[in-house]
Amino acid sequence: MKSWFLVLLLSLISSAASAQEAYFVTYSHEMEEAGNLEVENKTVTASPKGGNAFLGSAMEFEYGVKGWWTSELYVDGQSTANESTIFTGFRWENRFRPLMREHWINPVLYVEFEDTSADKTLLEVVGHDGLPDFLERNSRSDKEREAELKLILSSNYRGWNFSENIISEKNLAAEPWEFGYSLGVSRPLGLKAGARGCSFCRENIVAGVEMYGGLGDRYSFGLKDTSHYIAPVFQWQPPSGPSFKISPGFGLNNYSQHFLMRFGVSYEIPQIGALLRGK
């Protein structure tokens, strides 16, 4: 019980980055402003049928290297009831936006290296990821070193964001390429700011939905033995201070977790380099 409380406490108080993304899994074409640092915590909890309840947490440090290049480091951990609380590894991702001007469809290229074991953050679903993966005990999980590529396509229209992610992932230990997808739609409840600033104004609340799942691998591409989820998302972005978001997710077939609950806390530090130099 103390281990569960420790992971939950770290999830809530160690955050520091107000992410521009309203989603938990899907990426849009929004990039971090050059020189800004965002630190965000993403946490998911679930109780798989036939297994132990767990809580997975990912700390994300996102830095705007250039206007067209955002780099992120993830530090992951998880706690599983009746098993253990462990550090599961790290991820290093980079996103590149080849077209800086706004277009009808805005592409972004995503590259990630992952070094994890017993990971339960569910930051993406690929291949035949599903319920059986969460029944394996922490002590029996193998080390995984993986490369992940994404093509992110995103559009803004009259306040709406429409984002599509095409995912491919390769375990570097001679495993086949695995594939997945993620789709997201979101919109602020209000598009015009009021004459007086307020924390709970409609323009500070974003609502949407995302859907994601696996598409098999190189040898068995398709929907057989793959998991899929649909999840409404809600984000509150006050004018100053941390941002908060929450997303209940629902499995769409028997190979999926029945229910996932995600929550996140984030905060942005503008021009971190100048701040450290005292300018």
C-alpha atoms as a PDB file:
ATOM      1  CA  MET A   1       0.000   0.000   0.000  1.00  0.00           C
ATOM      2  CA  LYS A   2       2.888   2.362   0.774  1.00  0.00           C
ATOM      3  CA  SER A   3       4.372   1.690  -2.676  1.00  0.00           C
ATOM      4  CA  TRP A   4       1.090   2.617  -4.348  1.00  0.00           C
ATOM      5  CA  PHE A   5       0.898   5.832  -2.350  1.00  0.00           C
ATOM      6  CA  LEU A   6       4.501   6.736  -3.215  1.00  0.00           C
ATOM      7  CA  VAL A   7       3.962   6.367  -6.976  1.00  0.00           C
ATOM      8  CA  LEU A   8       0.708   8.333  -6.846  1.00  0.00           C
ATOM      9  CA  LEU A   9       2.326  11.091  -4.787  1.00  0.00           C
ATOM     10  CA  LEU A  10       5.233  11.394  -7.235  1.00  0.00           C
ATOM     11  CA  SER A  11       2.743  11.488 -10.113  1.00  0.00           C
ATOM     12  CA  LEU A  12       0.990  14.500  -8.616  1.00  0.00           C
ATOM     13  CA  ILE A  13       3.792  16.649  -7.236  1.00  0.00           C
ATOM     14  CA  SER A  14       6.755  16.079  -9.561  1.00  0.00           C
ATOM     15  CA  SER A  15       5.123  17.543 -12.662  1.00  0.00           C
ATOM     16  CA  ALA A  16       6.297  20.702 -14.411  1.00  0.00           C
ATOM     17  CA  ALA A  17       5.132  21.282 -18.004  1.00  0.00           C
ATOM     18  CA  SER A  18       1.959  22.613 -19.476  1.00  0.00           C
ATOM     19  CA  ALA A  19       1.682  20.408 -22.538  1.00  0.00           C
ATOM     20  CA  GLN A  20      -0.008  21.817 -25.582  1.00  0.00           C
ATOM     21  CA  GLU A  21      -1.487  18.418 -26.329  1.00  0.00           C
ATOM     22  CA  ALA A  22      -4.961  17.741 -24.977  1.00  0.00           C
ATOM     23  CA  TYR A  23      -4.427  14.051 -25.731  1.00  0.00           C
ATOM     24  CA  PHE A  24      -2.644  11.316 -23.802  1.00  0.00           C
ATOM     25  CA  VAL A  25      -1.683   9.017 -26.697  1.00  0.00           C
ATOM     26  CA  THR A  26      -2.220  11.020 -29.897  1.00  0.00           C
ATOM     27  CA  TYR A  27       0.176  13.747 -31.073  1.00  0.00           C
ATOM     28  CA  SER A  28      -0.861  16.853 -32.987  1.00  0.00           C
ATOM     29  CA  HIS A  29       1.479  19.124 -35.000  1.00  0.00           C
ATOM     30  CA  GLU A  30       1.960  21.540 -32.086  1.00  0.00           C
ATOM     31  CA  MET A  31       5.653  21.907 -31.173  1.00  0.00           C
ATOM     32  CA  GLU A  32       7.281  23.259 -28.028  1.00  0.00           C
ATOM     33  CA  GLU A  33       8.423  26.873 -28.382  1.00  0.00           C
ATOM     34  CA  ALA A  34      12.195  27.128 -28.826  1.00  0.00           C
ATOM     35  CA  GLY A  35      13.916  27.565 -25.455  1.00  0.00           C
ATOM     36  CA  ASN A  36      10.898  26.491 -23.387  1.00  0.00           C
ATOM     37  CA  LEU A  37      10.891  23.458 -21.087  1.00  0.00           C
ATOM     38  CA  GLU A  38       7.757  21.496 -20.317  1.00  0.00           C
ATOM     39  CA  VAL A  39       7.609  18.798 -17.674  1.00  0.00           C
ATOM     40  CA  GLU A  40       4.517  16.622 -17.622  1.00  0.00           C
ATOM     41  CA  ASN A  41       3.385  13.574 -15.739  1.00  0.00           C
ATOM     42  CA  LYS A  42       1.105  11.033 -17.422  1.00  0.00           C
ATOM     43  CA  THR A  43      -0.374   8.328 -15.227  1.00  0.00           C
ATOM     44  CA  VAL A  44      -2.643   5.393 -16.069  1.00  0.00           C
ATOM     45  CA  THR A  45      -4.303   2.910 -13.755  1.00  0.00           C
ATOM     46  CA  ALA A  46      -6.265  -0.243 -14.522  1.00  0.00           C
ATOM     47  CA  SER A  47      -7.337  -3.549 -13.008  1.00  0.00           C
ATOM     48  CA  PRO A  48      -6.952  -6.260 -15.686  1.00  0.00           C
ATOM     49  CA  LYS A  49      -9.270  -9.253 -15.536  1.00  0.00           C
ATOM     50  CA  GLY A  50      -7.395 -12.172 -14.011  1.00  0.00           C
ATOM     51  CA  GLY A  51      -4.436  -9.993 -12.972  1.00  0.00           C
ATOM     52  CA  ASN A  52      -3.318  -7.440 -10.411  1.00  0.00           C
ATOM     53  CA  ALA A  53      -4.294  -3.784 -10.482  1.00  0.00           C
ATOM     54  CA  PHE A  54      -1.486  -1.455 -11.517  1.00  0.00           C
ATOM     55  CA  LEU A  55      -0.505   2.182 -11.805  1.00  0.00           C
ATOM     56  CA  GLY A  56       1.960   3.254 -14.507  1.00  0.00           C
ATOM     57  CA  SER A  57       3.595   6.679 -14.549  1.00  0.00           C
ATOM     58  CA  ALA A  58       5.714   8.535 -17.120  1.00  0.00           C
ATOM     59  CA  MET A  59       7.575  11.762 -16.374  1.00  0.00           C
ATOM     60  CA  GLU A  60       8.141  13.768 -19.554  1.00  0.00           C
ATOM     61  CA  PHE A  61      10.737  16.523 -20.009  1.00  0.00           C
ATOM     62  CA  GLU A  62      10.039  18.329 -23.281  1.00  0.00           C
ATOM     63  CA  TYR A  63      12.382  20.977 -24.665  1.00  0.00           C
ATOM     64  CA  GLY A  64      12.007  23.187 -27.705  1.00  0.00           C
ATOM     65  CA  VAL A  65      15.391  22.882 -29.442  1.00  0.00           C
ATOM     66  CA  LYS A  66      14.232  24.818 -32.512  1.00  0.00           C
ATOM     67  CA  GLY A  67      10.865  25.943 -33.765  1.00  0.00           C
ATOM     68  CA  TRP A  68      10.817  22.848 -35.987  1.00  0.00           C
ATOM     69  CA  TRP A  69      12.444  20.401 -33.523  1.00  0.00           C
ATOM     70  CA  THR A  70      11.147  19.255 -30.144  1.00  0.00           C
ATOM     71  CA  SER A  71      13.073  16.723 -28.039  1.00  0.00           C
ATOM     72  CA  GLU A  72      11.668  14.803 -25.050  1.00  0.00           C
ATOM     73  CA  LEU A  73      12.989  12.481 -22.364  1.00  0.00           C
ATOM     74  CA  TYR A  74      10.608  10.121 -20.553  1.00  0.00           C
ATOM     75  CA  VAL A  75      11.396   8.416 -17.234  1.00  0.00           C
ATOM     76  CA  ASP A  76       8.922   5.609 -16.505  1.00  0.00           C
ATOM     77  CA  GLY A  77       7.858   3.563 -13.495  1.00  0.00           C
ATOM     78  CA  GLN A  78       4.980   1.426 -12.297  1.00  0.00           C
ATOM     79  CA  SER A  79       3.468  -0.201  -9.247  1.00  0.00           C
ATOM     80  CA  THR A  80       1.515  -3.462  -9.390  1.00  0.00           C
ATOM     81  CA  ALA A  81      -0.541  -4.692  -6.436  1.00  0.00           C
ATOM     82  CA  ASN A  82       0.813  -7.853  -4.748  1.00  0.00           C
ATOM     83  CA  GLU A  83       4.023  -7.549  -6.784  1.00  0.00           C
ATOM     84  CA  SER A  84       6.374  -4.554  -6.658  1.00  0.00           C
ATOM     85  CA  THR A  85       7.022  -0.892  -7.436  1.00  0.00           C
ATOM     86  CA  ILE A  86       9.821  -0.531  -9.984  1.00  0.00           C
ATOM     87  CA  PHE A  87      11.608   1.865 -12.303  1.00  0.00           C
ATOM     88  CA  THR A  88      10.835   0.539 -15.795  1.00  0.00           C
ATOM     89  CA  GLY A  89      13.197   2.554 -18.004  1.00  0.00           C
ATOM     90  CA  PHE A  90      13.424   5.594 -20.239  1.00  0.00           C
ATOM     91  CA  ARG A  91      12.488   6.859 -23.702  1.00  0.00           C
ATOM     92  CA  TRP A  92      14.062   9.548 -25.844  1.00  0.00           C
ATOM     93  CA  GLU A  93      11.891  10.999 -28.580  1.00  0.00           C
ATOM     94  CA  ASN A  94      12.364  13.677 -31.204  1.00  0.00           C
ATOM     95  CA  ARG A  95       9.731  15.345 -33.364  1.00  0.00           C
ATOM     96  CA  PHE A  96      10.535  17.253 -36.544  1.00  0.00           C
ATOM     97  CA  ARG A  97       8.127  19.525 -38.383  1.00  0.00           C
ATOM     98  CA  PRO A  98       9.244  19.927 -42.035  1.00  0.00           C
ATOM     99  CA  LEU A  99       6.638  22.609 -42.904  1.00  0.00           C
ATOM    100  CA  MET A 100       6.506  25.498 -40.446  1.00  0.00           C
ATOM    101  CA  ARG A 101       3.612  27.393 -42.000  1.00  0.00           C
ATOM    102  CA  GLU A 102       0.085  26.256 -41.235  1.00  0.00           C
ATOM    103  CA  HIS A 103      -1.344  23.974 -43.941  1.00  0.00           C
ATOM    104  CA  TRP A 104      -4.563  22.048 -44.418  1.00  0.00           C
ATOM    105  CA  ILE A 105      -2.634  18.959 -43.267  1.00  0.00           C
ATOM    106  CA  ASN A 106       0.514  19.468 -41.188  1.00  0.00           C
ATOM    107  CA  PRO A 107       2.980  16.551 -41.133  1.00  0.00           C
ATOM    108  CA  VAL A 108       5.406  15.828 -38.282  1.00  0.00           C
ATOM    109  CA  LEU A 109       8.075  13.106 -38.224  1.00  0.00           C
ATOM    110  CA  TYR A 110       8.631  11.275 -34.929  1.00  0.00           C
ATOM    111  CA  VAL A 111      11.611   9.101 -33.899  1.00  0.00           C
ATOM    112  CA  GLU A 112      11.994   7.398 -30.506  1.00  0.00           C
ATOM    113  CA  PHE A 113      14.430   5.059 -28.769  1.00  0.00           C
ATOM    114  CA  GLU A 114      13.059   3.085 -25.817  1.00  0.00           C
ATOM    115  CA  ASP A 115      14.871   1.048 -23.154  1.00  0.00           C
ATOM    116  CA  THR A 116      12.272  -0.425 -20.778  1.00  0.00           C
ATOM    117  CA  SER A 117      11.213  -3.509 -18.855  1.00  0.00           C
ATOM    118  CA  ALA A 118       7.753  -4.329 -17.444  1.00  0.00           C
ATOM    119  CA  ASP A 119       6.453  -1.012 -18.796  1.00  0.00           C
ATOM    120  CA  LYS A 120       2.787  -0.258 -18.103  1.00  0.00           C
ATOM    121  CA  THR A 121       2.484   3.392 -19.139  1.00  0.00           C
ATOM    122  CA  LEU A 122       0.443   2.552 -22.266  1.00  0.00           C
ATOM    123  CA  LEU A 123       1.759   5.577 -24.147  1.00  0.00           C
ATOM    124  CA  GLU A 124       0.949   3.713 -27.358  1.00  0.00           C
ATOM    125  CA  VAL A 125      -0.554   0.394 -28.446  1.00  0.00           C
ATOM    126  CA  VAL A 126       1.080  -1.540 -31.294  1.00  0.00           C
ATOM    127  CA  GLY A 127       1.197  -5.028 -32.758  1.00  0.00           C
ATOM    128  CA  HIS A 128      -0.594  -7.578 -30.595  1.00  0.00           C
ATOM    129  CA  ASP A 129      -0.310  -5.624 -27.339  1.00  0.00           C
ATOM    130  CA  GLY A 130      -3.265  -6.582 -25.191  1.00  0.00           C
ATOM    131  CA  LEU A 131      -4.633  -7.994 -21.973  1.00  0.00           C
ATOM    132  CA  PRO A 132      -2.173 -10.950 -21.757  1.00  0.00           C
ATOM    133  CA  ASP A 133       0.767  -8.520 -21.491  1.00  0.00           C
ATOM    134  CA  PHE A 134      -0.584  -7.183 -18.197  1.00  0.00           C
ATOM    135  CA  LEU A 135      -0.916 -10.604 -16.591  1.00  0.00           C
ATOM    136  CA  GLU A 136       2.845 -11.209 -16.643  1.00  0.00           C
ATOM    137  CA  ARG A 137       4.563 -10.588 -13.327  1.00  0.00           C
ATOM    138  CA  ASN A 138       7.125  -7.799 -12.964  1.00  0.00           C
ATOM    139  CA  SER A 139       9.901 -10.251 -12.090  1.00  0.00           C
ATOM    140  CA  ARG A 140       9.451 -12.163 -15.353  1.00  0.00           C
ATOM    141  CA  SER A 141       9.519  -9.253 -17.791  1.00  0.00           C
ATOM    142  CA  ASP A 142      12.333  -9.073 -20.316  1.00  0.00           C
ATOM    143  CA  LYS A 143      14.387  -6.004 -21.176  1.00  0.00           C
ATOM    144  CA  GLU A 144      13.146  -4.331 -24.353  1.00  0.00           C
ATOM    145  CA  ARG A 145      15.139  -1.978 -26.551  1.00  0.00           C
ATOM    146  CA  GLU A 146      12.939  -0.608 -29.297  1.00  0.00           C
ATOM    147  CA  ALA A 147      12.913   1.978 -32.066  1.00  0.00           C
ATOM    148  CA  GLU A 148       9.639   3.697 -32.869  1.00  0.00           C
ATOM    149  CA  LEU A 149       8.637   5.792 -35.872  1.00  0.00           C
ATOM    150  CA  LYS A 150       5.467   7.824 -36.289  1.00  0.00           C
ATOM    151  CA  LEU A 151       3.947   9.860 -39.066  1.00  0.00           C
ATOM    152  CA  ILE A 152       1.833  12.557 -37.425  1.00  0.00           C
ATOM    153  CA  LEU A 153      -0.798  14.293 -39.551  1.00  0.00           C
ATOM    154  CA  SER A 154      -2.739  17.131 -37.966  1.00  0.00           C
ATOM    155  CA  SER A 155      -5.199  19.840 -39.013  1.00  0.00           C
ATOM    156  CA  ASN A 156      -6.853  22.806 -37.309  1.00  0.00           C
ATOM    157  CA  TYR A 157     -10.255  23.965 -38.541  1.00  0.00           C
ATOM    158  CA  ARG A 158     -12.529  26.507 -36.836  1.00  0.00           C
ATOM    159  CA  GLY A 159     -11.119  25.703 -33.419  1.00  0.00           C
ATOM    160  CA  TRP A 160     -11.153  21.947 -33.958  1.00  0.00           C
ATOM    161  CA  ASN A 161      -8.017  19.832 -34.049  1.00  0.00           C
ATOM    162  CA  PHE A 162      -7.976  16.595 -36.046  1.00  0.00           C
ATOM    163  CA  SER A 163      -4.902  14.392 -35.567  1.00  0.00           C
ATOM    164  CA  GLU A 164      -3.921  11.036 -37.042  1.00  0.00           C
ATOM    165  CA  ASN A 165      -0.848   9.048 -36.009  1.00  0.00           C
ATOM    166  CA  ILE A 166       0.529   6.080 -37.961  1.00  0.00           C
ATOM    167  CA  ILE A 167       2.891   4.056 -35.742  1.00  0.00           C
ATOM    168  CA  SER A 168       5.604   1.489 -36.490  1.00  0.00           C
ATOM    169  CA  GLU A 169       7.789  -0.054 -33.788  1.00  0.00           C
ATOM    170  CA  LYS A 170      10.733  -2.472 -33.945  1.00  0.00           C
ATOM    171  CA  ASN A 171      12.210  -4.468 -31.090  1.00  0.00           C
ATOM    172  CA  LEU A 172      15.943  -4.389 -31.819  1.00  0.00           C
ATOM    173  CA  ALA A 173      16.320  -8.043 -30.752  1.00  0.00           C
ATOM    174  CA  ALA A 174      15.368  -9.453 -34.182  1.00  0.00           C
ATOM    175  CA  GLU A 175      11.608  -9.016 -33.673  1.00  0.00           C
ATOM    176  CA  PRO A 176       9.312  -8.061 -36.605  1.00  0.00           C
ATOM    177  CA  TRP A 177       8.004  -4.539 -37.146  1.00  0.00           C
ATOM    178  CA  GLU A 178       4.763  -3.868 -35.269  1.00  0.00           C
ATOM    179  CA  PHE A 179       2.108  -1.363 -36.284  1.00  0.00           C
ATOM    180  CA  GLY A 180      -0.553   0.750 -34.623  1.00  0.00           C
ATOM    181  CA  TYR A 181      -2.618   3.894 -34.936  1.00  0.00           C
ATOM    182  CA  SER A 182      -4.014   6.745 -32.894  1.00  0.00           C
ATOM    183  CA  LEU A 183      -6.726   9.269 -33.792  1.00  0.00           C
ATOM    184  CA  GLY A 184      -7.770  12.395 -31.908  1.00  0.00           C
ATOM    185  CA  VAL A 185     -10.345  15.182 -32.160  1.00  0.00           C
ATOM    186  CA  SER A 186     -10.498  18.095 -29.707  1.00  0.00           C
ATOM    187  CA  ARG A 187     -11.773  21.650 -29.332  1.00  0.00           C
ATOM    188  CA  PRO A 188     -11.810  24.375 -26.639  1.00  0.00           C
ATOM    189  CA  LEU A 189     -15.286  24.955 -25.254  1.00  0.00           C
ATOM    190  CA  GLY A 190     -14.896  28.639 -26.114  1.00  0.00           C
ATOM    191  CA  LEU A 191     -12.851  30.270 -28.880  1.00  0.00           C
ATOM    192  CA  LYS A 192     -12.968  33.902 -27.745  1.00  0.00           C
ATOM    193  CA  ALA A 193     -11.460  35.131 -24.508  1.00  0.00           C
ATOM    194  CA  GLY A 194     -13.718  37.212 -22.289  1.00  0.00           C
ATOM    195  CA  ALA A 195     -13.056  40.810 -21.287  1.00  0.00           C
ATOM    196  CA  ARG A 196     -12.031  39.607 -17.832  1.00  0.00           C
ATOM    197  CA  GLY A 197      -9.537  36.816 -17.345  1.00  0.00           C
ATOM    198  CA  CYS A 198     -10.675  33.866 -15.253  1.00  0.00           C
ATOM    199  CA  SER A 199      -9.484  30.377 -14.455  1.00  0.00           C
ATOM    200  CA  PHE A 200     -12.644  28.500 -15.401  1.00  0.00           C
ATOM    201  CA  CYS A 201     -13.570  30.382 -18.560  1.00  0.00           C
ATOM    202  CA  ARG A 202     -14.790  28.213 -21.433  1.00  0.00           C
ATOM    203  CA  GLU A 203     -11.696  28.957 -23.524  1.00  0.00           C
ATOM    204  CA  ASN A 204      -9.513  27.369 -20.811  1.00  0.00           C
ATOM    205  CA  ILE A 205     -11.262  23.987 -21.067  1.00  0.00           C
ATOM    206  CA  VAL A 206     -10.565  21.596 -23.939  1.00  0.00           C
ATOM    207  CA  ALA A 207     -12.717  18.538 -24.627  1.00  0.00           C
ATOM    208  CA  GLY A 208     -12.191  15.779 -27.151  1.00  0.00           C
ATOM    209  CA  VAL A 209     -11.892  12.073 -27.797  1.00  0.00           C
ATOM    210  CA  GLU A 210      -9.127   9.771 -28.985  1.00  0.00           C
ATOM    211  CA  MET A 211      -9.105   6.229 -30.336  1.00  0.00           C
ATOM    212  CA  TYR A 212      -6.039   4.017 -30.554  1.00  0.00           C
ATOM    213  CA  GLY A 213      -5.009   0.407 -31.033  1.00  0.00           C
ATOM    214  CA  GLY A 214      -2.728  -2.162 -32.628  1.00  0.00           C
ATOM    215  CA  LEU A 215      -2.591  -3.312 -36.247  1.00  0.00           C
ATOM    216  CA  GLY A 216      -0.560  -6.496 -35.909  1.00  0.00           C
ATOM    217  CA  ASP A 217       2.960  -6.969 -37.215  1.00  0.00           C
ATOM    218  CA  ARG A 218       4.862  -7.627 -40.421  1.00  0.00           C
ATOM    219  CA  TYR A 219       3.781 -11.275 -40.528  1.00  0.00           C
ATOM    220  CA  SER A 220       0.197 -10.875 -39.301  1.00  0.00           C
ATOM    221  CA  PHE A 221      -0.981  -7.386 -40.226  1.00  0.00           C
ATOM    222  CA  GLY A 222      -4.611  -6.663 -39.380  1.00  0.00           C
ATOM    223  CA  LEU A 223      -7.058  -6.638 -36.499  1.00  0.00           C
ATOM    224  CA  LYS A 224      -6.813 -10.243 -35.290  1.00  0.00           C
ATOM    225  CA  ASP A 225      -5.658 -10.456 -31.650  1.00  0.00           C
ATOM    226  CA  THR A 226      -5.243  -6.686 -31.319  1.00  0.00           C
ATOM    227  CA  SER A 227      -6.565  -4.304 -28.667  1.00  0.00           C
ATOM    228  CA  HIS A 228      -8.415  -1.041 -29.259  1.00  0.00           C
ATOM    229  CA  TYR A 229      -9.615   1.775 -27.011  1.00  0.00           C
ATOM    230  CA  ILE A 230     -11.793   4.852 -27.164  1.00  0.00           C
ATOM    231  CA  ALA A 231     -11.358   7.592 -24.585  1.00  0.00           C
ATOM    232  CA  PRO A 232     -12.894  11.031 -24.022  1.00  0.00           C
ATOM    233  CA  VAL A 233     -10.325  13.615 -22.902  1.00  0.00           C
ATOM    234  CA  PHE A 234     -10.723  16.788 -20.853  1.00  0.00           C
ATOM    235  CA  GLN A 235      -8.043  19.394 -20.202  1.00  0.00           C
ATOM    236  CA  TRP A 236      -8.141  22.469 -17.989  1.00  0.00           C
ATOM    237  CA  GLN A 237      -5.568  25.130 -18.867  1.00  0.00           C
ATOM    238  CA  PRO A 238      -5.731  28.073 -16.424  1.00  0.00           C
ATOM    239  CA  PRO A 239      -3.956  31.308 -17.462  1.00  0.00           C
ATOM    240  CA  SER A 240      -1.098  30.580 -15.041  1.00  0.00           C
ATOM    241  CA  GLY A 241       0.037  27.616 -12.995  1.00  0.00           C
ATOM    242  CA  PRO A 242      -0.214  23.922 -13.826  1.00  0.00           C
ATOM    243  CA  SER A 243      -2.620  22.361 -16.303  1.00  0.00           C
ATOM    244  CA  PHE A 244      -4.667  19.240 -15.599  1.00  0.00           C
ATOM    245  CA  LYS A 245      -6.220  16.602 -17.802  1.00  0.00           C
ATOM    246  CA  ILE A 246      -8.168  13.382 -17.346  1.00  0.00           C
ATOM    247  CA  SER A 247      -9.334  10.620 -19.642  1.00  0.00           C
ATOM    248  CA  PRO A 248     -11.427   7.502 -18.908  1.00  0.00           C
ATOM    249  CA  GLY A 249     -10.718   4.853 -21.561  1.00  0.00           C
ATOM    250  CA  PHE A 250     -12.865   1.908 -22.628  1.00  0.00           C
ATOM    251  CA  GLY A 251     -11.690  -1.295 -24.310  1.00  0.00           C
ATOM    252  CA  LEU A 252     -13.521  -2.121 -27.531  1.00  0.00           C
ATOM    253  CA  ASN A 253     -12.953  -5.893 -27.580  1.00  0.00           C
ATOM    254  CA  ASN A 254     -12.129  -8.816 -25.311  1.00  0.00           C
ATOM    255  CA  TYR A 255      -8.410  -8.518 -26.053  1.00  0.00           C
ATOM    256  CA  SER A 256      -8.336  -5.031 -24.516  1.00  0.00           C
ATOM    257  CA  GLN A 257      -8.295  -3.842 -20.931  1.00  0.00           C
ATOM    258  CA  HIS A 258     -11.908  -3.285 -19.889  1.00  0.00           C
ATOM    259  CA  PHE A 259     -11.273   0.179 -18.404  1.00  0.00           C
ATOM    260  CA  LEU A 260      -8.351   2.594 -18.143  1.00  0.00           C
ATOM    261  CA  MET A 261      -8.200   5.801 -16.141  1.00  0.00           C
ATOM    262  CA  ARG A 262      -5.602   8.372 -17.155  1.00  0.00           C
ATOM    263  CA  PHE A 263      -4.737  11.651 -15.501  1.00  0.00           C
ATOM    264  CA  GLY A 264      -1.983  14.178 -16.010  1.00  0.00           C
ATOM    265  CA  VAL A 265      -0.497  17.322 -14.467  1.00  0.00           C
ATOM    266  CA  SER A 266       1.777  19.696 -16.365  1.00  0.00           C
ATOM    267  CA  TYR A 267       3.562  23.030 -16.159  1.00  0.00           C
ATOM    268  CA  GLU A 268       5.657  25.128 -18.547  1.00  0.00           C
ATOM    269  CA  ILE A 269       8.920  26.945 -17.799  1.00  0.00           C
ATOM    270  CA  PRO A 270       9.491  29.593 -20.497  1.00  0.00           C
ATOM    271  CA  GLN A 271      13.025  30.260 -21.754  1.00  0.00           C
ATOM    272  CA  ILE A 272      14.700  27.948 -19.282  1.00  0.00           C
ATOM    273  CA  GLY A 273      18.222  28.757 -20.553  1.00  0.00           C
ATOM    274  CA  ALA A 274      17.886  32.485 -19.939  1.00  0.00           C
ATOM    275  CA  LEU A 275      16.324  31.795 -16.547  1.00  0.00           C
ATOM    276  CA  LEU A 276      19.284  29.672 -15.437  1.00  0.00           C
ATOM    277  CA  ARG A 277      21.713  32.356 -16.615  1.00  0.00           C
ATOM    278  CA  GLY A 278      19.801  34.945 -14.579  1.00  0.00           C
ATOM    279  CA  LYS A 279      18.765  37.026 -17.594  1.00  0.00           C
END
